[in-house]
Amino acid sequence: MTIATGDSVTLEYTGRLDDETVFDTSRASVAEETGLADAQPDREYDPLTVEVGSKQVIAGMEEGLIGLEAGTTTTLSIPPEKAYGEQSEEHVQEYETETLRETLGGQTPEEGAVLETKDGQHGEVVHADAETVKVDFNPRLAGETLTFEIEILDVN
């Protein structure tokens, strides 16, 4: 059966950056080999099931699945505009250090710290001094071309 919009697809995947760094996988063996399992010890590494067209995965992945069949193994190269977009200065917010310190319950923000907003958005502190703090809310993989090795296990 050829995959079409609306189909439920179960697949194994490994996502890599241009420098071959593995940033995500569904395979426990790959997670162990690359150290991902150590970084996320509570995560289960199981096949992923998605409904094509429901925006459960990035656009480039959905588009790449259409037309494939169960049993197919392929590699998809997904440019930033079909993944997490380009890096944008619009997603870097500047705060007064004292105001942010109060919001954080008295903690002083430090470069490299990851903050979470009330709505669940994550941002990395990229600059902190006595007057201002800059927090980058760009997605971690923004600006990256992503390569996925995928194996289609089942199509319904």
Protein backbone atom coordinates (compact mmCIF):
# COMPACT_ATOMS: atom_id res chain seq x y z
CA MET A 1 0.00 0.00 0.00
CA THR A 2 1.41 3.39 -1.03
CA ILE A 3 1.36 6.06 1.69
CA ALA A 4 -1.13 8.90 1.16
CA THR A 5 -2.45 11.77 3.27
CA GLY A 6 -4.58 10.40 6.10
CA ASP A 7 -2.71 7.10 6.41
CA SER A 8 -1.31 5.95 9.72
CA VAL A 9 2.37 5.12 9.27
CA THR A 10 4.69 3.34 11.72
CA LEU A 11 8.39 3.91 11.11
CA GLU A 12 11.85 3.70 12.59
CA TYR A 13 14.05 6.76 12.11
CA THR A 14 17.42 8.32 12.84
CA GLY A 15 17.89 12.06 12.40
CA ARG A 16 21.32 13.51 11.65
CA LEU A 17 22.79 16.96 11.11
CA ASP A 18 25.16 17.82 8.25
CA ASP A 19 28.14 16.92 10.46
CA GLU A 20 26.62 13.42 11.01
CA THR A 21 25.67 14.18 14.64
CA VAL A 22 22.60 12.14 15.60
CA PHE A 23 20.04 14.47 17.19
CA ASP A 24 17.15 12.00 17.51
CA THR A 25 16.27 8.37 16.85
CA SER A 26 13.59 5.78 17.50
CA ARG A 27 16.18 3.00 17.72
CA ALA A 28 17.53 2.10 21.17
CA SER A 29 20.78 0.73 19.70
CA VAL A 30 21.52 4.03 17.93
CA ALA A 31 20.65 5.98 21.10
CA GLU A 32 23.10 3.85 23.08
CA GLU A 33 25.89 4.18 20.49
CA THR A 34 25.58 7.96 20.20
CA GLY A 35 25.04 8.83 23.86
CA LEU A 36 21.44 9.99 23.41
CA ALA A 37 20.27 7.32 25.84
CA ASP A 38 22.55 8.79 28.54
CA ALA A 39 21.21 12.30 27.89
CA GLN A 40 17.58 11.11 28.10
CA PRO A 41 17.62 8.11 30.46
CA ASP A 42 13.83 7.98 30.93
CA ARG A 43 12.98 8.03 27.24
CA GLU A 44 11.59 4.96 25.49
CA TYR A 45 13.02 4.30 22.03
CA ASP A 46 10.17 2.80 20.02
CA PRO A 47 8.91 3.06 16.44
CA LEU A 48 6.98 6.26 15.71
CA THR A 49 3.40 6.15 14.45
CA VAL A 50 2.04 9.27 12.73
CA GLU A 51 -1.01 10.17 10.72
CA VAL A 52 0.25 11.71 7.49
CA GLY A 53 -1.19 15.19 6.99
CA SER A 54 -1.97 15.82 10.68
CA LYS A 55 1.21 17.88 11.27
CA GLN A 56 2.51 15.51 13.95
CA VAL A 57 5.95 15.70 12.33
CA ILE A 58 7.77 18.40 10.37
CA ALA A 59 6.47 19.24 6.88
CA GLY A 60 9.46 17.77 5.07
CA MET A 61 8.99 14.42 6.81
CA GLU A 62 5.29 14.29 5.92
CA GLU A 63 6.00 15.17 2.30
CA GLY A 64 8.80 12.60 2.15
CA LEU A 65 6.55 9.79 3.40
CA ILE A 66 3.91 10.21 0.68
CA GLY A 67 4.33 7.60 -2.03
CA LEU A 68 6.48 5.22 0.03
CA GLU A 69 5.38 1.69 0.95
CA ALA A 70 5.74 -0.63 3.94
CA GLY A 71 9.18 -2.25 3.92
CA THR A 72 10.82 0.75 2.26
CA THR A 73 14.07 2.11 3.68
CA THR A 74 15.11 5.56 2.46
CA THR A 75 16.94 8.74 3.38
CA LEU A 76 15.21 12.11 3.41
CA SER A 77 17.14 15.39 3.31
CA ILE A 78 14.96 18.16 4.72
CA PRO A 79 15.94 21.84 4.31
CA PRO A 80 15.32 24.31 7.17
CA GLU A 81 12.19 25.80 5.56
CA LYS A 82 10.54 22.33 5.65
CA ALA A 83 11.86 21.60 9.17
CA TYR A 84 12.25 24.19 11.95
CA GLY A 85 12.82 27.29 9.83
CA GLU A 86 15.80 29.60 9.69
CA GLN A 87 17.38 31.24 12.73
CA SER A 88 15.62 34.56 13.35
CA GLU A 89 16.61 37.55 15.47
CA GLU A 90 12.87 38.04 16.06
CA HIS A 91 13.03 35.00 18.35
CA VAL A 92 15.77 36.52 20.53
CA GLN A 93 14.18 38.46 23.37
CA GLU A 94 15.94 41.00 25.60
CA TYR A 95 14.99 41.48 29.24
CA GLU A 96 16.18 43.73 32.04
CA THR A 97 18.32 41.56 34.28
CA GLU A 98 16.61 42.63 37.51
CA THR A 99 13.12 42.06 36.10
CA LEU A 100 14.04 38.57 34.87
CA ARG A 101 15.75 37.78 38.19
CA GLU A 102 12.49 38.61 40.01
CA THR A 103 10.50 36.46 37.57
CA LEU A 104 12.91 33.57 38.26
CA GLY A 105 12.36 33.83 42.01
CA GLY A 106 15.66 35.54 42.74
CA GLN A 107 17.86 33.37 40.50
CA THR A 108 20.43 35.22 38.43
CA PRO A 109 20.22 34.10 34.78
CA GLU A 110 23.51 32.78 33.37
CA GLU A 111 24.64 32.22 29.78
CA GLY A 112 23.83 28.70 28.64
CA ALA A 113 20.88 28.28 31.00
CA VAL A 114 17.62 27.08 29.48
CA LEU A 115 14.46 28.87 30.58
CA GLU A 116 10.87 27.76 30.13
CA THR A 117 8.04 30.25 29.71
CA LYS A 118 4.60 29.81 31.25
CA ASP A 119 3.32 28.50 27.91
CA GLY A 120 6.06 25.84 27.71
CA GLN A 121 8.38 27.56 25.23
CA HIS A 122 12.11 26.94 25.85
CA GLY A 123 14.85 29.50 25.34
CA GLU A 124 18.58 29.57 25.92
CA VAL A 125 20.25 32.49 27.68
CA VAL A 126 22.79 33.70 25.10
CA HIS A 127 23.90 36.88 26.91
CA ALA A 128 23.72 37.99 30.53
CA ASP A 129 25.23 41.01 32.24
CA ALA A 130 24.23 43.38 35.04
CA GLU A 131 21.78 45.30 32.82
CA THR A 132 20.34 42.93 30.20
CA VAL A 133 19.71 39.28 29.44
CA LYS A 134 19.09 37.93 25.94
CA VAL A 135 17.15 34.69 25.54
CA ASP A 136 17.10 32.83 22.22
CA PHE A 137 13.73 31.17 21.62
CA ASN A 138 14.64 29.83 18.16
CA PRO A 139 14.00 26.08 17.92
CA ARG A 140 17.18 24.13 18.68
CA LEU A 141 17.31 22.79 15.11
CA ALA A 142 16.43 26.08 13.35
CA GLY A 143 18.67 26.75 10.37
CA GLU A 144 19.72 23.11 10.07
CA THR A 145 19.28 20.77 7.12
CA LEU A 146 18.11 17.50 8.63
CA THR A 147 18.77 14.04 7.23
CA PHE A 148 16.49 11.20 8.28
CA GLU A 149 17.17 7.54 7.64
CA ILE A 150 13.72 5.96 7.80
CA GLU A 151 12.29 2.48 7.54
CA ILE A 152 8.56 2.13 6.95
CA LEU A 153 7.29 -0.71 9.15
CA ASP A 154 3.54 -0.49 8.60
CA VAL A 155 0.91 1.52 6.70
CA ASN A 156 -2.81 1.54 7.60
